[in-house]
PDB file of N, CA and C in Angstrom:
ATOM      1  N   MET A   1      -2.845  11.299 -10.775  1.00  0.00           N
ATOM      2  CA  MET A   1      -1.884  10.423 -10.151  1.00  0.00           C
ATOM      3  C   MET A   1      -0.490  11.014 -10.380  1.00  0.00           C
ATOM      4  N   ILE A   2       0.282  11.060  -9.319  1.00  0.00           N
ATOM      5  CA  ILE A   2       1.660  11.527  -9.387  1.00  0.00           C
ATOM      6  C   ILE A   2       2.552  10.373  -8.963  1.00  0.00           C
ATOM      7  N   SER A   3       3.508  10.060  -9.807  1.00  0.00           N
ATOM      8  CA  SER A   3       4.411   8.951  -9.526  1.00  0.00           C
ATOM      9  C   SER A   3       5.780   9.473  -9.105  1.00  0.00           C
ATOM     10  N   TYR A   4       6.351   8.839  -8.087  1.00  0.00           N
ATOM     11  CA  TYR A   4       7.712   9.133  -7.655  1.00  0.00           C
ATOM     12  C   TYR A   4       8.513   7.858  -7.812  1.00  0.00           C
ATOM     13  N   GLN A   5       9.553   7.892  -8.640  1.00  0.00           N
ATOM     14  CA  GLN A   5      10.399   6.724  -8.862  1.00  0.00           C
ATOM     15  C   GLN A   5      11.449   6.651  -7.757  1.00  0.00           C
ATOM     16  N   CYS A   6      11.280   5.696  -6.857  1.00  0.00           N
ATOM     17  CA  CYS A   6      12.239   5.520  -5.769  1.00  0.00           C
ATOM     18  C   CYS A   6      13.518   4.877  -6.291  1.00  0.00           C
ATOM     19  N   SER A   7      14.624   5.188  -5.629  1.00  0.00           N
ATOM     20  CA  SER A   7      15.917   4.616  -5.975  1.00  0.00           C
ATOM     21  C   SER A   7      16.839   4.754  -4.776  1.00  0.00           C
ATOM     22  N   PRO A   8      18.032   4.169  -4.843  1.00  0.00           N
ATOM     23  CA  PRO A   8      18.990   4.369  -3.757  1.00  0.00           C
ATOM     24  C   PRO A   8      19.428   5.829  -3.619  1.00  0.00           C
ATOM     25  N   LEU A   9      19.105   6.661  -4.601  1.00  0.00           N
ATOM     26  CA  LEU A   9      19.437   8.088  -4.544  1.00  0.00           C
ATOM     27  C   LEU A   9      18.269   8.945  -4.055  1.00  0.00           C
ATOM     28  N   SER A  10      17.159   8.330  -3.680  1.00  0.00           N
ATOM     29  CA  SER A  10      15.982   9.071  -3.204  1.00  0.00           C
ATOM     30  C   SER A  10      16.315   9.875  -1.956  1.00  0.00           C
ATOM     31  N   THR A  11      15.622  11.008  -1.826  1.00  0.00           N
ATOM     32  CA  THR A  11      15.826  11.870  -0.661  1.00  0.00           C
ATOM     33  C   THR A  11      14.485  12.142   0.017  1.00  0.00           C
ATOM     34  N   PRO A  12      14.514  12.468   1.300  1.00  0.00           N
ATOM     35  CA  PRO A  12      13.274  12.851   1.974  1.00  0.00           C
ATOM     36  C   PRO A  12      12.608  14.057   1.293  1.00  0.00           C
ATOM     37  N   ASP A  13      13.411  15.034   0.875  1.00  0.00           N
ATOM     38  CA  ASP A  13      12.855  16.221   0.217  1.00  0.00           C
ATOM     39  C   ASP A  13      12.124  15.866  -1.078  1.00  0.00           C
ATOM     40  N   GLY A  14      12.635  14.892  -1.816  1.00  0.00           N
ATOM     41  CA  GLY A  14      11.979  14.472  -3.047  1.00  0.00           C
ATOM     42  C   GLY A  14      10.605  13.879  -2.789  1.00  0.00           C
ATOM     43  N   ILE A  15      10.503  13.074  -1.755  1.00  0.00           N
ATOM     44  CA  ILE A  15       9.215  12.458  -1.413  1.00  0.00           C
ATOM     45  C   ILE A  15       8.247  13.517  -0.890  1.00  0.00           C
ATOM     46  N   VAL A  16       8.722  14.396  -0.021  1.00  0.00           N
ATOM     47  CA  VAL A  16       7.857  15.452   0.518  1.00  0.00           C
ATOM     48  C   VAL A  16       7.337  16.349  -0.600  1.00  0.00           C
ATOM     49  N   SER A  17       8.206  16.741  -1.524  1.00  0.00           N
ATOM     50  CA  SER A  17       7.754  17.634  -2.595  1.00  0.00           C
ATOM     51  C   SER A  17       6.739  16.957  -3.499  1.00  0.00           C
ATOM     52  N   THR A  18       6.833  15.644  -3.661  1.00  0.00           N
ATOM     53  CA  THR A  18       5.844  14.914  -4.456  1.00  0.00           C
ATOM     54  C   THR A  18       4.480  14.951  -3.768  1.00  0.00           C
ATOM     55  N   PHE A  19       4.449  14.746  -2.453  1.00  0.00           N
ATOM     56  CA  PHE A  19       3.183  14.810  -1.727  1.00  0.00           C
ATOM     57  C   PHE A  19       2.627  16.235  -1.685  1.00  0.00           C
ATOM     58  N   GLN A  20       3.498  17.226  -1.619  1.00  0.00           N
ATOM     59  CA  GLN A  20       3.027  18.614  -1.664  1.00  0.00           C
ATOM     60  C   GLN A  20       2.408  18.933  -3.021  1.00  0.00           C
ATOM     61  N   GLN A  21       3.004  18.423  -4.093  1.00  0.00           N
ATOM     62  CA  GLN A  21       2.429  18.605  -5.427  1.00  0.00           C
ATOM     63  C   GLN A  21       1.054  17.947  -5.498  1.00  0.00           C
ATOM     64  N   CYS A  22       0.919  16.788  -4.909  1.00  0.00           N
ATOM     65  CA  CYS A  22      -0.359  16.084  -4.858  1.00  0.00           C
ATOM     66  C   CYS A  22      -1.398  16.905  -4.102  1.00  0.00           C
ATOM     67  N   ALA A  23      -0.986  17.490  -2.985  1.00  0.00           N
ATOM     68  CA  ALA A  23      -1.905  18.299  -2.189  1.00  0.00           C
ATOM     69  C   ALA A  23      -2.379  19.528  -2.967  1.00  0.00           C
ATOM     70  N   ARG A  24      -1.477  20.128  -3.758  1.00  0.00           N
ATOM     71  CA  ARG A  24      -1.878  21.286  -4.579  1.00  0.00           C
ATOM     72  C   ARG A  24      -2.906  20.887  -5.628  1.00  0.00           C
ATOM     73  N   LEU A  25      -2.762  19.704  -6.200  1.00  0.00           N
ATOM     74  CA  LEU A  25      -3.750  19.230  -7.175  1.00  0.00           C
ATOM     75  C   LEU A  25      -5.108  18.971  -6.525  1.00  0.00           C
ATOM     76  N   GLN A  26      -5.082  18.494  -5.281  1.00  0.00           N
ATOM     77  CA  GLN A  26      -6.320  18.141  -4.585  1.00  0.00           C
ATOM     78  C   GLN A  26      -7.051  19.365  -4.038  1.00  0.00           C
ATOM     79  N   ARG A  27      -6.309  20.439  -3.803  1.00  0.00           N
ATOM     80  CA  ARG A  27      -6.888  21.635  -3.204  1.00  0.00           C
ATOM     81  C   ARG A  27      -8.095  22.114  -4.001  1.00  0.00           C
ATOM     82  N   ASP A  28      -9.143  22.455  -3.305  1.00  0.00           N
ATOM     83  CA  ASP A  28     -10.387  22.980  -3.881  1.00  0.00           C
ATOM     84  C   ASP A  28     -11.125  21.973  -4.754  1.00  0.00           C
ATOM     85  N   GLN A  29     -10.826  20.698  -4.591  1.00  0.00           N
ATOM     86  CA  GLN A  29     -11.527  19.651  -5.339  1.00  0.00           C
ATOM     87  C   GLN A  29     -12.442  18.888  -4.378  1.00  0.00           C
ATOM     88  N   ALA A  30     -13.591  18.484  -4.872  1.00  0.00           N
ATOM     89  CA  ALA A  30     -14.500  17.657  -4.077  1.00  0.00           C
ATOM     90  C   ALA A  30     -13.980  16.225  -4.061  1.00  0.00           C
ATOM     91  N   LEU A  31     -13.825  15.637  -2.866  1.00  0.00           N
ATOM     92  CA  LEU A  31     -13.295  14.281  -2.767  1.00  0.00           C
ATOM     93  C   LEU A  31     -14.186  13.249  -3.438  1.00  0.00           C
ATOM     94  N   ASN A  32     -15.468  13.557  -3.608  1.00  0.00           N
ATOM     95  CA  ASN A  32     -16.363  12.631  -4.312  1.00  0.00           C
ATOM     96  C   ASN A  32     -16.087  12.602  -5.806  1.00  0.00           C
ATOM     97  N   ASP A  33     -15.473  13.667  -6.336  1.00  0.00           N
ATOM     98  CA  ASP A  33     -15.261  13.784  -7.772  1.00  0.00           C
ATOM     99  C   ASP A  33     -13.804  13.620  -8.192  1.00  0.00           C
ATOM    100  N   PHE A  34     -12.874  13.923  -7.292  1.00  0.00           N
ATOM    101  CA  PHE A  34     -11.466  13.964  -7.673  1.00  0.00           C
ATOM    102  C   PHE A  34     -10.602  13.585  -6.482  1.00  0.00           C
ATOM    103  N   VAL A  35      -9.732  12.615  -6.677  1.00  0.00           N
ATOM    104  CA  VAL A  35      -8.788  12.228  -5.629  1.00  0.00           C
ATOM    105  C   VAL A  35      -7.401  12.170  -6.250  1.00  0.00           C
ATOM    106  N   SER A  36      -6.498  12.922  -5.688  1.00  0.00           N
ATOM    107  CA  SER A  36      -5.119  12.938  -6.141  1.00  0.00           C
ATOM    108  C   SER A  36      -4.345  11.869  -5.381  1.00  0.00           C
ATOM    109  N   VAL A  37      -3.537  11.098  -6.088  1.00  0.00           N
ATOM    110  CA  VAL A  37      -2.847   9.946  -5.502  1.00  0.00           C
ATOM    111  C   VAL A  37      -1.355  10.016  -5.812  1.00  0.00           C
ATOM    112  N   VAL A  38      -0.529   9.686  -4.837  1.00  0.00           N
ATOM    113  CA  VAL A  38       0.910   9.549  -5.040  1.00  0.00           C
ATOM    114  C   VAL A  38       1.238   8.063  -5.100  1.00  0.00           C
ATOM    115  N   VAL A  39       1.996   7.676  -6.113  1.00  0.00           N
ATOM    116  CA  VAL A  39       2.490   6.305  -6.233  1.00  0.00           C
ATOM    117  C   VAL A  39       3.989   6.339  -6.005  1.00  0.00           C
ATOM    118  N   LEU A  40       4.445   5.653  -4.983  1.00  0.00           N
ATOM    119  CA  LEU A  40       5.876   5.505  -4.738  1.00  0.00           C
ATOM    120  C   LEU A  40       6.313   4.218  -5.428  1.00  0.00           C
ATOM    121  N   ASP A  41       6.812   4.361  -6.640  1.00  0.00           N
ATOM    122  CA  ASP A  41       7.170   3.200  -7.462  1.00  0.00           C
ATOM    123  C   ASP A  41       8.511   2.619  -7.020  1.00  0.00           C
ATOM    124  N   GLU A  42       8.570   1.297  -6.931  1.00  0.00           N
ATOM    125  CA  GLU A  42       9.772   0.585  -6.503  1.00  0.00           C
ATOM    126  C   GLU A  42      10.261   1.082  -5.145  1.00  0.00           C
ATOM    127  N   VAL A  43       9.325   1.189  -4.211  1.00  0.00           N
ATOM    128  CA  VAL A  43       9.622   1.759  -2.892  1.00  0.00           C
ATOM    129  C   VAL A  43      10.739   1.006  -2.167  1.00  0.00           C
ATOM    130  N   GLY A  44      10.915  -0.256  -2.459  1.00  0.00           N
ATOM    131  CA  GLY A  44      11.973  -1.036  -1.825  1.00  0.00           C
ATOM    132  C   GLY A  44      13.366  -0.525  -2.149  1.00  0.00           C
ATOM    133  N   LEU A  45      13.525   0.101  -3.306  1.00  0.00           N
ATOM    134  CA  LEU A  45      14.832   0.632  -3.685  1.00  0.00           C
ATOM    135  C   LEU A  45      15.255   1.798  -2.800  1.00  0.00           C
ATOM    136  N   ALA A  46      14.288   2.524  -2.272  1.00  0.00           N
ATOM    137  CA  ALA A  46      14.600   3.666  -1.407  1.00  0.00           C
ATOM    138  C   ALA A  46      15.200   3.220  -0.075  1.00  0.00           C
ATOM    139  N   GLU A  47      14.989   1.964   0.293  1.00  0.00           N
ATOM    140  CA  GLU A  47      15.564   1.462   1.542  1.00  0.00           C
ATOM    141  C   GLU A  47      17.086   1.446   1.498  1.00  0.00           C
ATOM    142  N   ASP A  48      17.665   1.439   0.285  1.00  0.00           N
ATOM    143  CA  ASP A  48      19.118   1.415   0.138  1.00  0.00           C
ATOM    144  C   ASP A  48      19.741   2.809   0.187  1.00  0.00           C
ATOM    145  N   SER A  49      18.909   3.839   0.307  1.00  0.00           N
ATOM    146  CA  SER A  49      19.422   5.203   0.340  1.00  0.00           C
ATOM    147  C   SER A  49      19.978   5.519   1.728  1.00  0.00           C
ATOM    148  N   PRO A  50      21.198   6.058   1.786  1.00  0.00           N
ATOM    149  CA  PRO A  50      21.754   6.431   3.094  1.00  0.00           C
ATOM    150  C   PRO A  50      21.002   7.589   3.751  1.00  0.00           C
ATOM    151  N   ARG A  51      20.184   8.297   2.989  1.00  0.00           N
ATOM    152  CA  ARG A  51      19.414   9.423   3.538  1.00  0.00           C
ATOM    153  C   ARG A  51      18.119   8.974   4.203  1.00  0.00           C
ATOM    154  N   MET A  52      17.797   7.693   4.123  1.00  0.00           N
ATOM    155  CA  MET A  52      16.605   7.100   4.739  1.00  0.00           C
ATOM    156  C   MET A  52      15.326   7.897   4.419  1.00  0.00           C
ATOM    157  N   PRO A  53      14.988   8.032   3.132  1.00  0.00           N
ATOM    158  CA  PRO A  53      13.852   8.867   2.744  1.00  0.00           C
ATOM    159  C   PRO A  53      12.493   8.331   3.191  1.00  0.00           C
ATOM    160  N   LEU A  54      12.385   7.045   3.447  1.00  0.00           N
ATOM    161  CA  LEU A  54      11.077   6.491   3.815  1.00  0.00           C
ATOM    162  C   LEU A  54      10.668   6.884   5.232  1.00  0.00           C
ATOM    163  N   LYS A  55      11.608   7.319   6.053  1.00  0.00           N
ATOM    164  CA  LYS A  55      11.255   7.764   7.402  1.00  0.00           C
ATOM    165  C   LYS A  55      10.337   8.972   7.374  1.00  0.00           C
ATOM    166  N   VAL A  56      10.385   9.750   6.300  1.00  0.00           N
ATOM    167  CA  VAL A  56       9.542  10.931   6.193  1.00  0.00           C
ATOM    168  C   VAL A  56       8.072  10.550   5.955  1.00  0.00           C
ATOM    169  N   CYS A  57       7.830   9.332   5.505  1.00  0.00           N
ATOM    170  CA  CYS A  57       6.447   8.919   5.205  1.00  0.00           C
ATOM    171  C   CYS A  57       5.557   8.946   6.441  1.00  0.00           C
ATOM    172  N   SER A  58       6.082   8.579   7.607  1.00  0.00           N
ATOM    173  CA  SER A  58       5.250   8.620   8.818  1.00  0.00           C
ATOM    174  C   SER A  58       4.854  10.056   9.150  1.00  0.00           C
ATOM    175  N   GLN A  59       5.748  10.999   8.906  1.00  0.00           N
ATOM    176  CA  GLN A  59       5.413  12.406   9.134  1.00  0.00           C
ATOM    177  C   GLN A  59       4.359  12.872   8.136  1.00  0.00           C
ATOM    178  N   ILE A  60       4.486  12.443   6.904  1.00  0.00           N
ATOM    179  CA  ILE A  60       3.527  12.829   5.862  1.00  0.00           C
ATOM    180  C   ILE A  60       2.136  12.318   6.199  1.00  0.00           C
ATOM    181  N   ILE A  61       2.045  11.097   6.651  1.00  0.00           N
ATOM    182  CA  ILE A  61       0.746  10.492   6.957  1.00  0.00           C
ATOM    183  C   ILE A  61       0.034  11.265   8.069  1.00  0.00           C
ATOM    184  N   ARG A  62       0.795  11.791   9.035  1.00  0.00           N
ATOM    185  CA  ARG A  62       0.199  12.523  10.164  1.00  0.00           C
ATOM    186  C   ARG A  62      -0.197  13.953   9.820  1.00  0.00           C
ATOM    187  N   GLN A  63       0.335  14.506   8.751  1.00  0.00           N
ATOM    188  CA  GLN A  63       0.050  15.897   8.415  1.00  0.00           C
ATOM    189  C   GLN A  63      -1.162  16.001   7.505  1.00  0.00           C
ATOM    190  N   LYS A  64      -1.849  17.115   7.596  1.00  0.00           N
ATOM    191  CA  LYS A  64      -3.088  17.309   6.859  1.00  0.00           C
ATOM    192  C   LYS A  64      -2.883  17.887   5.460  1.00  0.00           C
ATOM    193  N   TYR A  65      -1.655  18.352   5.126  1.00  0.00           N
ATOM    194  CA  TYR A  65      -1.455  18.976   3.821  1.00  0.00           C
ATOM    195  C   TYR A  65      -1.327  17.957   2.698  1.00  0.00           C
ATOM    196  N   THR A  66      -1.243  16.686   3.033  1.00  0.00           N
ATOM    197  CA  THR A  66      -1.006  15.675   2.013  1.00  0.00           C
ATOM    198  C   THR A  66      -2.314  15.195   1.389  1.00  0.00           C
ATOM    199  N   CYS A  67      -2.162  14.363   0.389  1.00  0.00           N
ATOM    200  CA  CYS A  67      -3.318  13.745  -0.281  1.00  0.00           C
ATOM    201  C   CYS A  67      -4.015  12.805   0.694  1.00  0.00           C
ATOM    202  N   ASP A  68      -5.260  12.492   0.414  1.00  0.00           N
ATOM    203  CA  ASP A  68      -5.991  11.563   1.279  1.00  0.00           C
ATOM    204  C   ASP A  68      -5.556  10.131   1.057  1.00  0.00           C
ATOM    205  N   SER A  69      -5.063   9.800  -0.123  1.00  0.00           N
ATOM    206  CA  SER A  69      -4.665   8.429  -0.420  1.00  0.00           C
ATOM    207  C   SER A  69      -3.159   8.349  -0.564  1.00  0.00           C
ATOM    208  N   LYS A  70      -2.583   7.314   0.044  1.00  0.00           N
ATOM    209  CA  LYS A  70      -1.147   7.110  -0.018  1.00  0.00           C
ATOM    210  C   LYS A  70      -0.879   5.645  -0.344  1.00  0.00           C
ATOM    211  N   TYR A  71      -0.004   5.408  -1.300  1.00  0.00           N
ATOM    212  CA  TYR A  71       0.279   4.035  -1.705  1.00  0.00           C
ATOM    213  C   TYR A  71       1.764   3.831  -1.874  1.00  0.00           C
ATOM    214  N   GLY A  72       2.224   2.642  -1.535  1.00  0.00           N
ATOM    215  CA  GLY A  72       3.583   2.230  -1.852  1.00  0.00           C
ATOM    216  C   GLY A  72       3.496   0.978  -2.694  1.00  0.00           C
ATOM    217  N   ILE A  73       4.147   0.978  -3.836  1.00  0.00           N
ATOM    218  CA  ILE A  73       4.108  -0.171  -4.735  1.00  0.00           C
ATOM    219  C   ILE A  73       5.543  -0.588  -5.033  1.00  0.00           C
ATOM    220  N   SER A  74       5.790  -1.884  -4.903  1.00  0.00           N
ATOM    221  CA  SER A  74       7.135  -2.379  -5.191  1.00  0.00           C
ATOM    222  C   SER A  74       7.023  -3.770  -5.797  1.00  0.00           C
ATOM    223  N   LYS A  75       7.858  -4.029  -6.784  1.00  0.00           N
ATOM    224  CA  LYS A  75       7.945  -5.379  -7.327  1.00  0.00           C
ATOM    225  C   LYS A  75       8.807  -6.210  -6.402  1.00  0.00           C
ATOM    226  N   LEU A  76       8.361  -7.402  -6.140  1.00  0.00           N
ATOM    227  CA  LEU A  76       9.146  -8.289  -5.255  1.00  0.00           C
ATOM    228  C   LEU A  76      10.062  -9.160  -6.069  1.00  0.00           C
TER     229      LEU A  76
END
């Protein structure tokens, strides 16, 4: 599991690099035995970033280099 702490200072590059790190961990692993997961912690805080880092998530979901599982977790 790889965690990315979202904040108003989050950037698209930070989120992309976290998913790329996840993909490197998953590479050459059997999905039945090992699944690499990215946790976007406090994802609501990233909405306050002027760089709009969450817009990159739709691109990540469509690309094949990312992990199979994607989660956003935020305290309400």
